[in-house]
All heavy atoms as atom14 arrays in JSON, in Angstrom:
{
  "sequence": "PLLIESLTRAGALSKTGRSLPFDANRDGFVVGEGGGAVILETESH",
  "atom14_mask": [
    [1, 1, 1, 1, 1, 1, 1, 0, 0, 0, 0, 0, 0, 0],
    [1, 1, 1, 1, 1, 1, 1, 1, 0, 0, 0, 0, 0, 0],
    [1, 1, 1, 1, 1, 1, 1, 1, 0, 0, 0, 0, 0, 0],
    [1, 1, 1, 1, 1, 1, 1, 1, 0, 0, 0, 0, 0, 0],
    [1, 1, 1, 1, 1, 1, 1, 1, 1, 0, 0, 0, 0, 0],
    [1, 1, 1, 1, 1, 1, 0, 0, 0, 0, 0, 0, 0, 0],
    [1, 1, 1, 1, 1, 1, 1, 1, 0, 0, 0, 0, 0, 0],
    [1, 1, 1, 1, 1, 1, 1, 0, 0, 0, 0, 0, 0, 0],
    [1, 1, 1, 1, 1, 1, 1, 1, 1, 1, 1, 0, 0, 0],
    [1, 1, 1, 1, 1, 0, 0, 0, 0, 0, 0, 0, 0, 0],
    [1, 1, 1, 1, 0, 0, 0, 0, 0, 0, 0, 0, 0, 0],
    [1, 1, 1, 1, 1, 0, 0, 0, 0, 0, 0, 0, 0, 0],
    [1, 1, 1, 1, 1, 1, 1, 1, 0, 0, 0, 0, 0, 0],
    [1, 1, 1, 1, 1, 1, 0, 0, 0, 0, 0, 0, 0, 0],
    [1, 1, 1, 1, 1, 1, 1, 1, 1, 0, 0, 0, 0, 0],
    [1, 1, 1, 1, 1, 1, 1, 0, 0, 0, 0, 0, 0, 0],
    [1, 1, 1, 1, 0, 0, 0, 0, 0, 0, 0, 0, 0, 0],
    [1, 1, 1, 1, 1, 1, 1, 1, 1, 1, 1, 0, 0, 0],
    [1, 1, 1, 1, 1, 1, 0, 0, 0, 0, 0, 0, 0, 0],
    [1, 1, 1, 1, 1, 1, 1, 1, 0, 0, 0, 0, 0, 0],
    [1, 1, 1, 1, 1, 1, 1, 0, 0, 0, 0, 0, 0, 0],
    [1, 1, 1, 1, 1, 1, 1, 1, 1, 1, 1, 0, 0, 0],
    [1, 1, 1, 1, 1, 1, 1, 1, 0, 0, 0, 0, 0, 0],
    [1, 1, 1, 1, 1, 0, 0, 0, 0, 0, 0, 0, 0, 0],
    [1, 1, 1, 1, 1, 1, 1, 1, 0, 0, 0, 0, 0, 0],
    [1, 1, 1, 1, 1, 1, 1, 1, 1, 1, 1, 0, 0, 0],
    [1, 1, 1, 1, 1, 1, 1, 1, 0, 0, 0, 0, 0, 0],
    [1, 1, 1, 1, 0, 0, 0, 0, 0, 0, 0, 0, 0, 0],
    [1, 1, 1, 1, 1, 1, 1, 1, 1, 1, 1, 0, 0, 0],
    [1, 1, 1, 1, 1, 1, 1, 0, 0, 0, 0, 0, 0, 0],
    [1, 1, 1, 1, 1, 1, 1, 0, 0, 0, 0, 0, 0, 0],
    [1, 1, 1, 1, 0, 0, 0, 0, 0, 0, 0, 0, 0, 0],
    [1, 1, 1, 1, 1, 1, 1, 1, 1, 0, 0, 0, 0, 0],
    [1, 1, 1, 1, 0, 0, 0, 0, 0, 0, 0, 0, 0, 0],
    [1, 1, 1, 1, 0, 0, 0, 0, 0, 0, 0, 0, 0, 0],
    [1, 1, 1, 1, 0, 0, 0, 0, 0, 0, 0, 0, 0, 0],
    [1, 1, 1, 1, 1, 0, 0, 0, 0, 0, 0, 0, 0, 0],
    [1, 1, 1, 1, 1, 1, 1, 0, 0, 0, 0, 0, 0, 0],
    [1, 1, 1, 1, 1, 1, 1, 1, 0, 0, 0, 0, 0, 0],
    [1, 1, 1, 1, 1, 1, 1, 1, 0, 0, 0, 0, 0, 0],
    [1, 1, 1, 1, 1, 1, 1, 1, 1, 0, 0, 0, 0, 0],
    [1, 1, 1, 1, 1, 1, 1, 0, 0, 0, 0, 0, 0, 0],
    [1, 1, 1, 1, 1, 1, 1, 1, 1, 0, 0, 0, 0, 0],
    [1, 1, 1, 1, 1, 1, 0, 0, 0, 0, 0, 0, 0, 0],
    [1, 1, 1, 1, 1, 1, 1, 1, 1, 1, 0, 0, 0, 0]
  ],
  "atom14_positions": [
    [[85.64, 96.74, 118.73], [85.92, 97.54, 119.93], [87.42, 97.66, 120.22], [87.87, 98.7, 120.69], [85.21, 96.77, 121.04], [84.16, 95.96, 120.35], [84.73, 95.63, 119.01], [0.0, 0.0, 0.0], [0.0, 0.0, 0.0], [0.0, 0.0, 0.0], [0.0, 0.0, 0.0], [0.0, 0.0, 0.0], [0.0, 0.0, 0.0], [0.0, 0.0, 0.0]],
    [[88.18, 96.62, 119.91], [89.62, 96.66, 120.14], [90.28, 97.78, 119.34], [91.06, 98.58, 119.87], [90.26, 95.32, 119.75], [89.91, 94.1, 120.6], [90.45, 92.83, 119.94], [90.45, 94.24, 122.01], [0.0, 0.0, 0.0], [0.0, 0.0, 0.0], [0.0, 0.0, 0.0], [0.0, 0.0, 0.0], [0.0, 0.0, 0.0], [0.0, 0.0, 0.0]],
    [[89.95, 97.82, 118.05], [90.54, 98.83, 117.18], [90.05, 100.23, 117.55], [90.84, 101.17, 117.66], [90.19, 98.53, 115.73], [90.76, 99.53, 114.71], [92.26, 99.31, 114.53], [90.04, 99.41, 113.37], [0.0, 0.0, 0.0], [0.0, 0.0, 0.0], [0.0, 0.0, 0.0], [0.0, 0.0, 0.0], [0.0, 0.0, 0.0], [0.0, 0.0, 0.0]],
    [[88.76, 100.36, 117.73], [88.18, 101.67, 118.0], [88.69, 102.24, 119.32], [89.05, 103.42, 119.42], [86.64, 101.6, 117.97], [86.16, 101.31, 116.54], [86.01, 102.89, 118.5], [84.69, 101.0, 116.43], [0.0, 0.0, 0.0], [0.0, 0.0, 0.0], [0.0, 0.0, 0.0], [0.0, 0.0, 0.0], [0.0, 0.0, 0.0], [0.0, 0.0, 0.0]],
    [[88.76, 101.4, 120.35], [89.25, 101.87, 121.65], [90.71, 102.3, 121.55], [91.11, 103.35, 122.06], [89.1, 100.75, 122.69], [89.65, 101.07, 124.06], [88.79, 102.03, 124.87], [87.69, 102.38, 124.39], [89.22, 102.44, 125.96], [0.0, 0.0, 0.0], [0.0, 0.0, 0.0], [0.0, 0.0, 0.0], [0.0, 0.0, 0.0], [0.0, 0.0, 0.0]],
    [[91.52, 101.51, 120.88], [92.94, 101.83, 120.76], [93.15, 103.12, 119.97], [93.92, 104.0, 120.39], [93.68, 100.67, 120.09], [95.04, 100.99, 119.9], [0.0, 0.0, 0.0], [0.0, 0.0, 0.0], [0.0, 0.0, 0.0], [0.0, 0.0, 0.0], [0.0, 0.0, 0.0], [0.0, 0.0, 0.0], [0.0, 0.0, 0.0], [0.0, 0.0, 0.0]],
    [[92.5, 103.24, 118.82], [92.68, 104.43, 117.99], [92.09, 105.67, 118.65], [92.6, 106.78, 118.45], [92.05, 104.21, 116.62], [92.76, 103.2, 115.71], [91.97, 102.98, 114.43], [94.18, 103.66, 115.39], [0.0, 0.0, 0.0], [0.0, 0.0, 0.0], [0.0, 0.0, 0.0], [0.0, 0.0, 0.0], [0.0, 0.0, 0.0], [0.0, 0.0, 0.0]],
    [[91.04, 105.5, 119.44], [90.47, 106.64, 120.17], [91.49, 107.15, 121.19], [91.73, 108.36, 121.31], [89.17, 106.23, 120.88], [88.2, 105.81, 119.92], [88.6, 107.41, 121.67], [0.0, 0.0, 0.0], [0.0, 0.0, 0.0], [0.0, 0.0, 0.0], [0.0, 0.0, 0.0], [0.0, 0.0, 0.0], [0.0, 0.0, 0.0], [0.0, 0.0, 0.0]],
    [[92.11, 106.23, 121.91], [93.11, 106.62, 122.92], [94.35, 107.22, 122.27], [95.04, 108.06, 122.88], [93.47, 105.42, 123.79], [92.35, 105.01, 124.73], [92.76, 103.86, 125.62], [91.72, 103.54, 126.59], [91.57, 104.14, 127.76], [92.41, 105.1, 128.13], [90.6, 103.8, 128.59], [0.0, 0.0, 0.0], [0.0, 0.0, 0.0], [0.0, 0.0, 0.0]],
    [[94.62, 106.82, 121.05], [95.75, 107.4, 120.32], [95.44, 108.77, 119.74], [96.33, 109.45, 119.22], [96.18, 106.45, 119.2], [0.0, 0.0, 0.0], [0.0, 0.0, 0.0], [0.0, 0.0, 0.0], [0.0, 0.0, 0.0], [0.0, 0.0, 0.0], [0.0, 0.0, 0.0], [0.0, 0.0, 0.0], [0.0, 0.0, 0.0], [0.0, 0.0, 0.0]],
    [[94.16, 109.17, 119.81], [93.75, 110.47, 119.29], [93.61, 110.51, 117.78], [93.58, 111.59, 117.17], [0.0, 0.0, 0.0], [0.0, 0.0, 0.0], [0.0, 0.0, 0.0], [0.0, 0.0, 0.0], [0.0, 0.0, 0.0], [0.0, 0.0, 0.0], [0.0, 0.0, 0.0], [0.0, 0.0, 0.0], [0.0, 0.0, 0.0], [0.0, 0.0, 0.0]],
    [[93.48, 109.33, 117.16], [93.43, 109.28, 115.69], [92.02, 109.37, 115.13], [91.83, 109.79, 113.99], [94.08, 107.98, 115.19], [0.0, 0.0, 0.0], [0.0, 0.0, 0.0], [0.0, 0.0, 0.0], [0.0, 0.0, 0.0], [0.0, 0.0, 0.0], [0.0, 0.0, 0.0], [0.0, 0.0, 0.0], [0.0, 0.0, 0.0], [0.0, 0.0, 0.0]],
    [[91.01, 108.97, 115.92], [89.65, 108.91, 115.4], [88.87, 110.19, 115.64], [89.08, 110.9, 116.63], [88.88, 107.74, 116.03], [89.35, 106.33, 115.71], [88.36, 105.32, 116.27], [89.51, 106.13, 114.21], [0.0, 0.0, 0.0], [0.0, 0.0, 0.0], [0.0, 0.0, 0.0], [0.0, 0.0, 0.0], [0.0, 0.0, 0.0], [0.0, 0.0, 0.0]],
    [[87.95, 110.45, 114.73], [87.07, 111.62, 114.86], [86.06, 111.39, 115.99], [85.32, 110.4, 115.98], [86.32, 111.85, 113.55], [85.27, 112.79, 113.74], [0.0, 0.0, 0.0], [0.0, 0.0, 0.0], [0.0, 0.0, 0.0], [0.0, 0.0, 0.0], [0.0, 0.0, 0.0], [0.0, 0.0, 0.0], [0.0, 0.0, 0.0], [0.0, 0.0, 0.0]],
    [[86.03, 112.29, 116.93], [85.06, 112.19, 118.02], [83.69, 112.67, 117.58], [82.67, 112.36, 118.2], [85.54, 112.99, 119.23], [86.8, 112.42, 119.89], [87.21, 113.24, 121.1], [88.4, 112.62, 121.83], [89.6, 112.51, 120.97], [0.0, 0.0, 0.0], [0.0, 0.0, 0.0], [0.0, 0.0, 0.0], [0.0, 0.0, 0.0], [0.0, 0.0, 0.0]],
    [[83.64, 113.46, 116.49], [82.36, 113.94, 115.99], [81.7, 112.95, 115.03], [80.56, 113.13, 114.65], [82.56, 115.27, 115.23], [83.39, 115.04, 114.08], [83.21, 116.31, 116.13], [0.0, 0.0, 0.0], [0.0, 0.0, 0.0], [0.0, 0.0, 0.0], [0.0, 0.0, 0.0], [0.0, 0.0, 0.0], [0.0, 0.0, 0.0], [0.0, 0.0, 0.0]],
    [[82.45, 111.9, 114.65], [81.9, 110.93, 113.72], [81.82, 111.45, 112.3], [81.04, 110.96, 111.49], [0.0, 0.0, 0.0], [0.0, 0.0, 0.0], [0.0, 0.0, 0.0], [0.0, 0.0, 0.0], [0.0, 0.0, 0.0], [0.0, 0.0, 0.0], [0.0, 0.0, 0.0], [0.0, 0.0, 0.0], [0.0, 0.0, 0.0], [0.0, 0.0, 0.0]],
    [[82.66, 112.45, 111.96], [82.68, 112.99, 110.61], [84.09, 112.88, 110.04], [85.07, 113.1, 110.74], [82.24, 114.45, 110.6], [80.82, 114.69, 111.11], [80.45, 116.17, 110.99], [81.35, 117.01, 111.78], [81.48, 118.33, 111.62], [80.78, 118.95, 110.67], [82.3, 119.02, 112.38], [0.0, 0.0, 0.0], [0.0, 0.0, 0.0], [0.0, 0.0, 0.0]],
    [[84.18, 112.55, 108.77], [85.45, 112.5, 108.08], [85.55, 113.72, 107.18], [84.8, 113.83, 106.2], [85.58, 111.22, 107.26], [86.8, 111.2, 106.55], [0.0, 0.0, 0.0], [0.0, 0.0, 0.0], [0.0, 0.0, 0.0], [0.0, 0.0, 0.0], [0.0, 0.0, 0.0], [0.0, 0.0, 0.0], [0.0, 0.0, 0.0], [0.0, 0.0, 0.0]],
    [[86.47, 114.63, 107.5], [86.56, 115.92, 106.81], [87.98, 116.14, 106.28], [88.73, 116.96, 106.81], [86.18, 117.05, 107.77], [84.88, 116.9, 108.57], [84.73, 118.05, 109.57], [83.68, 116.84, 107.65], [0.0, 0.0, 0.0], [0.0, 0.0, 0.0], [0.0, 0.0, 0.0], [0.0, 0.0, 0.0], [0.0, 0.0, 0.0], [0.0, 0.0, 0.0]],
    [[88.37, 115.44, 105.24], [89.75, 115.56, 104.75], [90.1, 116.99, 104.36], [89.32, 117.67, 103.66], [89.77, 114.64, 103.52], [88.64, 113.68, 103.74], [87.59, 114.47, 104.46], [0.0, 0.0, 0.0], [0.0, 0.0, 0.0], [0.0, 0.0, 0.0], [0.0, 0.0, 0.0], [0.0, 0.0, 0.0], [0.0, 0.0, 0.0], [0.0, 0.0, 0.0]],
    [[91.23, 117.47, 104.82], [91.79, 118.77, 104.5], [90.91, 119.94, 104.96], [91.15, 121.09, 104.6], [92.09, 118.89, 103.0], [93.02, 117.83, 102.49], [92.56, 116.82, 101.65], [94.35, 117.83, 102.86], [93.42, 115.83, 101.18], [95.23, 116.85, 102.4], [94.76, 115.84, 101.56], [0.0, 0.0, 0.0], [0.0, 0.0, 0.0], [0.0, 0.0, 0.0]],
    [[89.91, 119.65, 105.74], [88.99, 120.69, 106.22], [89.53, 121.3, 107.52], [90.18, 120.62, 108.33], [87.61, 120.08, 106.48], [86.54, 121.12, 106.73], [86.38, 121.54, 107.9], [85.86, 121.51, 105.77], [0.0, 0.0, 0.0], [0.0, 0.0, 0.0], [0.0, 0.0, 0.0], [0.0, 0.0, 0.0], [0.0, 0.0, 0.0], [0.0, 0.0, 0.0]],
    [[89.24, 122.57, 107.72], [89.72, 123.27, 108.91], [89.16, 122.68, 110.19], [89.75, 122.82, 111.27], [89.35, 124.75, 108.82], [0.0, 0.0, 0.0], [0.0, 0.0, 0.0], [0.0, 0.0, 0.0], [0.0, 0.0, 0.0], [0.0, 0.0, 0.0], [0.0, 0.0, 0.0], [0.0, 0.0, 0.0], [0.0, 0.0, 0.0], [0.0, 0.0, 0.0]],
    [[88.01, 122.0, 110.11], [87.35, 121.45, 111.3], [87.57, 119.96, 111.47], [86.91, 119.33, 112.31], [85.85, 121.75, 111.22], [85.56, 123.24, 111.2], [85.97, 123.97, 112.11], [84.89, 123.71, 110.17], [0.0, 0.0, 0.0], [0.0, 0.0, 0.0], [0.0, 0.0, 0.0], [0.0, 0.0, 0.0], [0.0, 0.0, 0.0], [0.0, 0.0, 0.0]],
    [[88.48, 119.37, 110.72], [88.7, 117.93, 110.84], [89.23, 117.58, 112.23], [89.96, 118.36, 112.85], [89.67, 117.45, 109.76], [91.1, 117.92, 109.94], [91.94, 117.61, 108.7], [93.35, 117.97, 108.9], [93.83, 119.2, 108.82], [93.01, 120.22, 108.57], [95.12, 119.42, 109.02], [0.0, 0.0, 0.0], [0.0, 0.0, 0.0], [0.0, 0.0, 0.0]],
    [[88.87, 116.4, 112.7], [89.34, 115.99, 114.03], [89.72, 114.51, 114.08], [89.71, 113.9, 115.13], [88.28, 116.3, 115.1], [87.04, 115.42, 115.0], [86.76, 114.9, 113.89], [86.37, 115.22, 116.03], [0.0, 0.0, 0.0], [0.0, 0.0, 0.0], [0.0, 0.0, 0.0], [0.0, 0.0, 0.0], [0.0, 0.0, 0.0], [0.0, 0.0, 0.0]],
    [[90.06, 113.94, 112.92], [90.48, 112.55, 112.89], [89.74, 111.75, 111.85], [88.79, 112.22, 111.22], [0.0, 0.0, 0.0], [0.0, 0.0, 0.0], [0.0, 0.0, 0.0], [0.0, 0.0, 0.0], [0.0, 0.0, 0.0], [0.0, 0.0, 0.0], [0.0, 0.0, 0.0], [0.0, 0.0, 0.0], [0.0, 0.0, 0.0], [0.0, 0.0, 0.0]],
    [[90.16, 110.5, 111.7], [89.52, 109.68, 110.66], [88.4, 108.82, 111.23], [88.24, 108.68, 112.44], [90.56, 108.86, 109.89], [91.16, 107.67, 110.6], [90.51, 106.44, 110.64], [92.42, 107.76, 111.19], [91.09, 105.34, 111.25], [93.02, 106.66, 111.8], [92.34, 105.44, 111.84], [0.0, 0.0, 0.0], [0.0, 0.0, 0.0], [0.0, 0.0, 0.0]],
    [[87.62, 108.27, 110.32], [86.51, 107.39, 110.67], [86.83, 106.01, 110.11], [87.21, 105.88, 108.94], [85.18, 107.91, 110.09], [84.05, 106.91, 110.32], [84.83, 109.27, 110.71], [0.0, 0.0, 0.0], [0.0, 0.0, 0.0], [0.0, 0.0, 0.0], [0.0, 0.0, 0.0], [0.0, 0.0, 0.0], [0.0, 0.0, 0.0], [0.0, 0.0, 0.0]],
    [[86.67, 104.99, 110.92], [86.95, 103.63, 110.47], [85.98, 103.24, 109.35], [84.76, 103.44, 109.47], [86.82, 102.63, 111.64], [86.93, 101.19, 111.13], [87.9, 102.9, 112.68], [0.0, 0.0, 0.0], [0.0, 0.0, 0.0], [0.0, 0.0, 0.0], [0.0, 0.0, 0.0], [0.0, 0.0, 0.0], [0.0, 0.0, 0.0], [0.0, 0.0, 0.0]],
    [[86.52, 102.71, 108.26], [85.71, 102.21, 107.16], [86.04, 100.76, 106.9], [86.94, 100.18, 107.52], [0.0, 0.0, 0.0], [0.0, 0.0, 0.0], [0.0, 0.0, 0.0], [0.0, 0.0, 0.0], [0.0, 0.0, 0.0], [0.0, 0.0, 0.0], [0.0, 0.0, 0.0], [0.0, 0.0, 0.0], [0.0, 0.0, 0.0], [0.0, 0.0, 0.0]],
    [[85.33, 100.15, 105.98], [85.58, 98.75, 105.64], [85.18, 98.51, 104.2], [84.53, 99.34, 103.56], [84.8, 97.82, 106.57], [83.28, 97.99, 106.46], [82.51, 96.95, 107.26], [83.12, 96.22, 108.07], [81.27, 96.86, 107.07], [0.0, 0.0, 0.0], [0.0, 0.0, 0.0], [0.0, 0.0, 0.0], [0.0, 0.0, 0.0], [0.0, 0.0, 0.0]],
    [[85.57, 97.36, 103.67], [85.19, 97.01, 102.31], [86.27, 96.22, 101.61], [87.21, 95.7, 102.23], [0.0, 0.0, 0.0], [0.0, 0.0, 0.0], [0.0, 0.0, 0.0], [0.0, 0.0, 0.0], [0.0, 0.0, 0.0], [0.0, 0.0, 0.0], [0.0, 0.0, 0.0], [0.0, 0.0, 0.0], [0.0, 0.0, 0.0], [0.0, 0.0, 0.0]],
    [[86.13, 96.13, 100.3], [87.09, 95.37, 99.5], [87.26, 95.99, 98.13], [86.39, 96.73, 97.64], [0.0, 0.0, 0.0], [0.0, 0.0, 0.0], [0.0, 0.0, 0.0], [0.0, 0.0, 0.0], [0.0, 0.0, 0.0], [0.0, 0.0, 0.0], [0.0, 0.0, 0.0], [0.0, 0.0, 0.0], [0.0, 0.0, 0.0], [0.0, 0.0, 0.0]],
    [[88.37, 95.69, 97.51], [88.64, 96.16, 96.15], [89.5, 95.16, 95.42], [90.19, 94.34, 96.04], [0.0, 0.0, 0.0], [0.0, 0.0, 0.0], [0.0, 0.0, 0.0], [0.0, 0.0, 0.0], [0.0, 0.0, 0.0], [0.0, 0.0, 0.0], [0.0, 0.0, 0.0], [0.0, 0.0, 0.0], [0.0, 0.0, 0.0], [0.0, 0.0, 0.0]],
    [[89.45, 95.19, 94.09], [90.26, 94.27, 93.29], [90.51, 94.87, 91.92], [89.66, 95.59, 91.37], [89.56, 92.92, 93.15], [0.0, 0.0, 0.0], [0.0, 0.0, 0.0], [0.0, 0.0, 0.0], [0.0, 0.0, 0.0], [0.0, 0.0, 0.0], [0.0, 0.0, 0.0], [0.0, 0.0, 0.0], [0.0, 0.0, 0.0], [0.0, 0.0, 0.0]],
    [[91.67, 94.57, 91.37], [91.99, 94.91, 89.98], [92.71, 93.72, 89.35], [93.39, 92.95, 90.04], [92.87, 96.18, 89.84], [92.12, 97.42, 90.27], [94.17, 96.03, 90.62], [0.0, 0.0, 0.0], [0.0, 0.0, 0.0], [0.0, 0.0, 0.0], [0.0, 0.0, 0.0], [0.0, 0.0, 0.0], [0.0, 0.0, 0.0], [0.0, 0.0, 0.0]],
    [[92.54, 93.57, 88.06], [93.25, 92.56, 87.29], [94.38, 93.25, 86.55], [94.14, 94.15, 85.74], [92.34, 91.83, 86.29], [91.07, 91.3, 86.98], [93.11, 90.72, 85.58], [91.33, 90.31, 88.09], [0.0, 0.0, 0.0], [0.0, 0.0, 0.0], [0.0, 0.0, 0.0], [0.0, 0.0, 0.0], [0.0, 0.0, 0.0], [0.0, 0.0, 0.0]],
    [[95.61, 92.84, 86.86], [96.8, 93.36, 86.18], [97.27, 92.33, 85.15], [97.28, 91.13, 85.44], [97.94, 93.61, 87.17], [97.69, 94.53, 88.37], [98.98, 94.66, 89.18], [97.2, 95.89, 87.92], [0.0, 0.0, 0.0], [0.0, 0.0, 0.0], [0.0, 0.0, 0.0], [0.0, 0.0, 0.0], [0.0, 0.0, 0.0], [0.0, 0.0, 0.0]],
    [[97.69, 92.81, 84.0], [98.24, 91.92, 82.98], [99.36, 92.62, 82.23], [99.43, 93.85, 82.19], [97.16, 91.54, 81.95], [95.97, 90.79, 82.5], [95.02, 90.34, 81.4], [95.46, 89.6, 80.48], [93.83, 90.72, 81.45], [0.0, 0.0, 0.0], [0.0, 0.0, 0.0], [0.0, 0.0, 0.0], [0.0, 0.0, 0.0], [0.0, 0.0, 0.0]],
    [[100.23, 91.81, 81.63], [101.14, 92.38, 80.65], [100.31, 92.77, 79.43], [99.28, 92.16, 79.13], [102.21, 91.38, 80.23], [101.59, 90.24, 79.64], [103.05, 90.95, 81.43], [0.0, 0.0, 0.0], [0.0, 0.0, 0.0], [0.0, 0.0, 0.0], [0.0, 0.0, 0.0], [0.0, 0.0, 0.0], [0.0, 0.0, 0.0], [0.0, 0.0, 0.0]],
    [[100.75, 93.81, 78.75], [100.01, 94.28, 77.58], [99.87, 93.18, 76.54], [98.78, 92.99, 75.97], [100.73, 95.49, 76.98], [100.01, 96.07, 75.75], [100.81, 97.18, 75.1], [102.06, 97.08, 75.06], [100.21, 98.15, 74.62], [0.0, 0.0, 0.0], [0.0, 0.0, 0.0], [0.0, 0.0, 0.0], [0.0, 0.0, 0.0], [0.0, 0.0, 0.0]],
    [[100.93, 92.44, 76.29], [100.88, 91.4, 75.26], [99.88, 90.31, 75.61], [99.16, 89.8, 74.74], [102.27, 90.79, 75.04], [102.76, 90.2, 76.23], [0.0, 0.0, 0.0], [0.0, 0.0, 0.0], [0.0, 0.0, 0.0], [0.0, 0.0, 0.0], [0.0, 0.0, 0.0], [0.0, 0.0, 0.0], [0.0, 0.0, 0.0], [0.0, 0.0, 0.0]],
    [[99.8, 89.96, 76.89], [98.85, 88.92, 77.3], [97.41, 89.42, 77.14], [96.54, 88.69, 76.64], [99.11, 88.53, 78.75], [98.27, 87.37, 79.22], [97.1, 87.53, 79.91], [98.44, 86.03, 79.07], [96.58, 86.35, 80.19], [97.39, 85.42, 79.69], [0.0, 0.0, 0.0], [0.0, 0.0, 0.0], [0.0, 0.0, 0.0], [0.0, 0.0, 0.0]]
  ]
}
């Protein structure tokens, strides 16, 4: 609620609950969550 309330007041979040990147009808982003990982190495290793 802290994040959502703050971002809503800042006008950053979509009030329609839709994420429409580069679309003419976009009205902000939608909060997402998750994780990602990659293993980086030197080529020789």
